Amino acid sequence: MTIKLSKRLQHIADWVPAGSRLADIGSDHALLPTYLARSGRILHAIAGEVNPGPFDAAAKQVASSRLEHMVQVRRGDGLAVLQPGEVDCITIAGMGGSLIVSILSAEPLKLDGVRYLVLQPNVGEEFVRGWLSKNGWSLMKEQIIEEDGKIYEIMYAERLSQEQFTVCEQQLYAPYMLSCGIMLDETWLKLMGPHLVKNPSEVYIQKWQLELKKQERIIQTMANAETEDAMERRQRFVTHKAQLEAMLACWQKDKQ
């Protein structure tokens, strides 16, 4: 039985290092680990799923592929399905950034021996980048794609030596100047993606155009703000919107 991955899952699969011992957390139908096992890219995999419906679907997928000897389906919440040192690569995809951070933070001992993370947050990408920085993970590459009208960001991180991590962080989040002279600090780089912002694709620009429209709607709903706190909050959105507009104008000029 041929397994056809979505564009999003294919990008994630392509970033799983060859020869990995994989844990796919929130595996849903276990398509990713099954595909990787069948292709011979990984040594073995654990497909973790907390919800009974997807857990059953994952078990059926693995059984129908006759890969029970390579892929174990385990029911549990987040990293609870793992033992320390059992895997060296973890994938988590299709969740909010805050939830991904919560999963990775809940049982830090379960990350012992893990060298690679491939993460795909649906929203809140800045929370994931912040967690990686605080916990010694180097963000090596990022990708942004569009599929079926939705935009996804995929991140690949490695656990390096402390010396290598420090150098990587300094390079990754050093202030970065756009071609029109706008300087982006660490906060902006974590929000926008330090790799993505340096080579903005059409999909990337589209994402921030949509974000700009969202900011405009929020500002409109706060038009009648009366309390001091509400007015200050509105002004922060106005300032943020103006900065986004300037960056978008810069990128669009570069594309001409």
Protein backbone atom coordinates (compact mmCIF):
# COMPACT_ATOMS: atom_id res chain seq x y z
CA MET A 1 0.00 0.00 0.00
CA THR A 2 1.48 3.30 -1.13
CA ILE A 3 1.39 6.12 1.41
CA LYS A 4 0.94 9.60 -0.03
CA LEU A 5 1.78 12.43 2.35
CA SER A 6 0.39 15.92 2.20
CA LYS A 7 2.77 18.68 1.15
CA ARG A 8 3.10 19.71 4.81
CA LEU A 9 3.89 16.21 6.09
CA GLN A 10 6.28 15.58 3.19
CA HIS A 11 8.35 18.61 4.19
CA ILE A 12 8.46 17.34 7.77
CA ALA A 13 9.42 13.86 6.61
CA ASP A 14 12.23 15.26 4.46
CA TRP A 15 13.76 16.91 7.53
CA VAL A 16 13.82 13.79 9.71
CA PRO A 17 17.49 12.71 9.67
CA ALA A 18 18.21 9.35 8.07
CA GLY A 19 18.75 6.54 10.58
CA SER A 20 16.73 8.26 13.29
CA ARG A 21 14.84 6.62 16.12
CA LEU A 22 11.68 8.70 15.87
CA ALA A 23 8.83 9.73 18.14
CA ASP A 24 5.90 11.38 16.39
CA ILE A 25 3.85 13.06 19.10
CA GLY A 26 0.19 13.66 18.27
CA SER A 27 0.63 11.24 15.40
CA ASP A 28 -3.05 11.14 14.41
CA HIS A 29 -3.22 8.38 11.75
CA ALA A 30 0.52 7.62 12.06
CA LEU A 31 1.05 8.49 8.40
CA LEU A 32 4.39 10.19 9.02
CA PRO A 33 6.13 7.38 10.96
CA THR A 34 4.60 4.73 8.70
CA TYR A 35 5.84 6.51 5.58
CA LEU A 36 9.32 6.96 7.05
CA ALA A 37 9.51 3.33 8.21
CA ARG A 38 8.36 2.00 4.86
CA SER A 39 10.89 4.16 2.99
CA GLY A 40 13.71 2.87 5.22
CA ARG A 41 14.61 6.36 6.40
CA ILE A 42 14.26 5.59 10.13
CA LEU A 43 15.29 2.66 12.31
CA HIS A 44 12.05 2.56 14.25
CA ALA A 45 9.31 4.88 15.48
CA ILE A 46 6.87 5.52 18.29
CA ALA A 47 3.55 7.05 17.30
CA GLY A 48 2.06 8.78 20.33
CA GLU A 49 -1.61 9.77 20.44
CA VAL A 50 -3.75 10.73 23.43
CA ASN A 51 -7.21 10.59 21.85
CA PRO A 52 -8.89 7.19 21.38
CA GLY A 53 -10.15 7.75 17.82
CA PRO A 54 -6.81 8.79 16.30
CA PHE A 55 -5.03 6.17 18.43
CA ASP A 56 -7.18 3.42 16.91
CA ALA A 57 -6.68 4.86 13.42
CA ALA A 58 -2.91 4.92 13.95
CA ALA A 59 -2.88 1.31 15.13
CA LYS A 60 -4.90 0.24 12.07
CA GLN A 61 -2.57 2.17 9.75
CA VAL A 62 0.51 0.46 11.16
CA ALA A 63 -1.13 -2.98 11.12
CA SER A 64 -2.38 -2.64 7.54
CA SER A 65 1.14 -1.61 6.49
CA ARG A 66 2.58 -4.65 8.31
CA LEU A 67 5.06 -2.43 10.13
CA GLU A 68 4.37 -3.41 13.75
CA HIS A 69 8.01 -4.50 14.03
CA MET A 70 9.14 -0.93 13.26
CA VAL A 71 6.35 1.37 14.49
CA GLN A 72 4.84 1.14 17.96
CA VAL A 73 1.58 3.00 18.57
CA ARG A 74 1.26 4.16 22.16
CA ARG A 75 -1.56 5.98 23.85
CA GLY A 76 -0.57 8.80 26.17
CA ASP A 77 -0.31 12.54 26.62
CA GLY A 78 2.68 14.18 24.97
CA LEU A 79 6.06 12.79 25.97
CA ALA A 80 4.44 10.43 28.49
CA VAL A 81 4.62 7.73 25.80
CA LEU A 82 8.43 7.81 25.87
CA GLN A 83 11.21 6.52 28.07
CA PRO A 84 14.40 8.61 28.43
CA GLY A 85 16.94 7.75 25.74
CA GLU A 86 14.44 5.82 23.65
CA VAL A 87 14.50 8.13 20.61
CA ASP A 88 16.81 10.71 19.11
CA CYS A 89 14.32 12.65 16.95
CA ILE A 90 10.91 14.05 17.86
CA THR A 91 8.32 15.45 15.48
CA ILE A 92 5.32 17.47 16.65
CA ALA A 93 3.03 18.95 14.01
CA GLY A 94 -0.39 20.52 13.61
CA MET A 95 -0.71 22.09 17.07
CA GLY A 96 -0.50 25.60 18.44
CA GLY A 97 2.93 26.84 19.42
CA SER A 98 1.94 27.18 23.08
CA LEU A 99 0.82 23.55 23.19
CA ILE A 100 4.03 22.36 21.55
CA VAL A 101 6.02 24.27 24.18
CA SER A 102 3.86 22.77 26.92
CA ILE A 103 4.50 19.25 25.62
CA LEU A 104 8.25 19.76 25.37
CA SER A 105 8.42 21.38 28.81
CA ALA A 106 6.27 18.89 30.73
CA GLU A 107 8.82 16.09 31.05
CA PRO A 108 12.34 17.40 30.33
CA LEU A 109 13.98 14.08 31.25
CA LYS A 110 12.20 12.50 28.29
CA LEU A 111 14.37 14.67 26.03
CA ASP A 112 17.54 12.91 27.19
CA GLY A 113 19.27 11.53 24.12
CA VAL A 114 17.09 13.52 21.72
CA ARG A 115 19.22 15.37 19.17
CA TYR A 116 16.69 16.59 16.60
CA LEU A 117 13.31 18.32 16.70
CA VAL A 118 11.09 18.88 13.67
CA LEU A 119 8.20 21.11 14.72
CA GLN A 120 5.26 22.58 12.83
CA PRO A 121 3.16 24.95 14.92
CA ASN A 122 -0.10 26.14 13.38
CA VAL A 123 0.09 29.44 15.27
CA GLY A 124 2.34 30.98 17.92
CA GLU A 125 5.59 30.21 16.15
CA GLU A 126 7.38 32.81 18.28
CA PHE A 127 6.68 30.78 21.44
CA VAL A 128 8.41 27.76 19.90
CA ARG A 129 11.45 29.81 18.87
CA GLY A 130 11.62 31.32 22.35
CA TRP A 131 11.50 27.88 23.96
CA LEU A 132 14.23 26.56 21.69
CA SER A 133 16.51 29.47 22.62
CA LYS A 134 15.90 29.09 26.35
CA ASN A 135 16.48 25.35 26.34
CA GLY A 136 19.65 24.99 24.32
CA TRP A 137 18.21 24.01 20.94
CA SER A 138 19.68 25.60 17.82
CA LEU A 139 17.16 26.53 15.15
CA MET A 140 19.02 25.32 12.06
CA LYS A 141 16.44 25.92 9.35
CA GLU A 142 12.87 27.00 8.70
CA GLN A 143 10.44 26.61 5.82
CA ILE A 144 7.12 28.27 5.06
CA ILE A 145 4.61 26.64 2.72
CA GLU A 146 1.03 27.06 1.57
CA GLU A 147 -1.31 24.11 1.17
CA ASP A 148 -5.06 24.14 0.59
CA GLY A 149 -5.28 27.83 1.46
CA LYS A 150 -3.41 27.48 4.76
CA ILE A 151 0.10 28.66 5.56
CA TYR A 152 2.45 26.54 7.66
CA GLU A 153 5.89 27.12 9.15
CA ILE A 154 8.20 24.16 9.75
CA MET A 155 11.24 24.32 12.05
CA TYR A 156 14.23 22.02 12.39
CA ALA A 157 16.37 22.28 15.54
CA GLU A 158 19.41 20.41 16.81
CA ARG A 159 20.96 20.04 20.23
CA LEU A 160 24.58 21.17 19.81
CA SER A 161 27.40 21.64 22.30
CA GLN A 162 27.06 24.68 24.55
CA GLU A 163 29.81 26.47 22.64
CA GLN A 164 28.22 25.74 19.27
CA PHE A 165 24.79 26.74 20.58
CA THR A 166 26.07 30.09 21.85
CA VAL A 167 27.69 30.91 18.50
CA CYS A 168 24.55 29.83 16.62
CA GLU A 169 22.29 31.98 18.79
CA GLN A 170 24.51 35.03 18.42
CA GLN A 171 24.44 34.70 14.66
CA LEU A 172 20.75 33.82 14.45
CA TYR A 173 19.40 36.65 16.56
CA ALA A 174 21.93 39.40 15.90
CA PRO A 175 20.13 42.61 14.85
CA TYR A 176 19.26 42.32 11.18
CA MET A 177 18.77 45.23 8.80
CA LEU A 178 16.38 45.04 5.88
CA SER A 179 17.38 46.57 2.56
CA CYS A 180 15.43 49.74 3.30
CA GLY A 181 17.19 50.33 6.62
CA ILE A 182 14.65 48.83 9.04
CA MET A 183 16.46 47.12 11.91
CA LEU A 184 14.93 43.98 13.41
CA ASP A 185 15.88 43.06 16.96
CA GLU A 186 15.69 39.63 18.62
CA THR A 187 12.00 40.04 19.50
CA TRP A 188 11.07 40.70 15.89
CA LEU A 189 13.30 37.89 14.61
CA LYS A 190 11.66 35.37 16.94
CA LEU A 191 8.25 36.57 15.82
CA MET A 192 9.01 36.51 12.10
CA GLY A 193 11.58 33.73 11.81
CA PRO A 194 15.31 34.52 11.66
CA HIS A 195 15.85 32.35 8.58
CA LEU A 196 12.60 33.23 6.81
CA VAL A 197 12.93 36.99 7.14
CA LYS A 198 16.29 37.00 5.38
CA ASN A 199 14.84 35.49 2.20
CA PRO A 200 11.12 36.37 2.17
CA SER A 201 9.16 34.23 -0.27
CA GLU A 202 5.80 35.10 -1.80
CA VAL A 203 4.08 32.84 0.74
CA TYR A 204 5.93 34.55 3.57
CA ILE A 205 4.85 37.98 2.36
CA GLN A 206 1.30 36.70 2.02
CA LYS A 207 1.35 35.53 5.63
CA TRP A 208 2.29 38.95 6.92
CA GLN A 209 -0.23 40.67 4.66
CA LEU A 210 -2.91 38.54 6.31
CA GLU A 211 -1.46 39.40 9.72
CA LEU A 212 -1.62 43.09 8.83
CA LYS A 213 -5.34 42.78 8.04
CA LYS A 214 -5.84 41.02 11.37
CA GLN A 215 -4.09 43.89 13.15
CA GLU A 216 -6.35 46.37 11.37
CA ARG A 217 -9.48 44.53 12.55
CA ILE A 218 -8.22 44.45 16.12
CA ILE A 219 -7.51 48.18 16.06
CA GLN A 220 -10.99 48.88 14.71
CA THR A 221 -12.61 46.92 17.55
CA MET A 222 -10.63 49.07 20.00
CA ALA A 223 -11.60 52.38 18.38
CA ASN A 224 -13.71 53.48 21.34
CA ALA A 225 -11.20 52.54 24.00
CA GLU A 226 -11.63 54.85 27.00
CA THR A 227 -9.56 53.51 29.87
CA GLU A 228 -5.87 54.31 29.99
CA ASP A 229 -4.91 50.64 29.80
CA ALA A 230 -7.13 50.09 26.75
CA MET A 231 -5.73 53.14 24.98
CA GLU A 232 -2.17 52.02 25.68
CA ARG A 233 -2.98 48.56 24.35
CA ARG A 234 -4.51 50.04 21.20
CA GLN A 235 -1.44 52.19 20.67
CA ARG A 236 0.79 49.11 20.85
CA PHE A 237 -1.26 47.52 18.07
CA VAL A 238 -1.07 50.73 16.02
CA THR A 239 2.72 50.84 16.41
CA HIS A 240 3.04 47.15 15.55
CA LYS A 241 0.85 47.62 12.47
CA ALA A 242 2.97 50.54 11.26
CA GLN A 243 6.13 48.47 11.61
CA LEU A 244 4.57 45.61 9.65
CA GLU A 245 3.45 47.99 6.90
CA ALA A 246 6.98 49.35 6.59
CA MET A 247 8.47 45.86 6.35
CA LEU A 248 5.94 44.72 3.75
CA ALA A 249 6.63 47.81 1.66
CA CYS A 250 10.34 47.03 1.87
CA TRP A 251 9.92 43.39 0.76
CA GLN A 252 7.56 44.30 -2.06
CA LYS A 253 10.02 46.91 -3.32
CA ASP A 254 12.78 44.27 -3.28
CA LYS A 255 10.59 41.93 -5.39
CA GLN A 256 10.08 44.54 -8.13
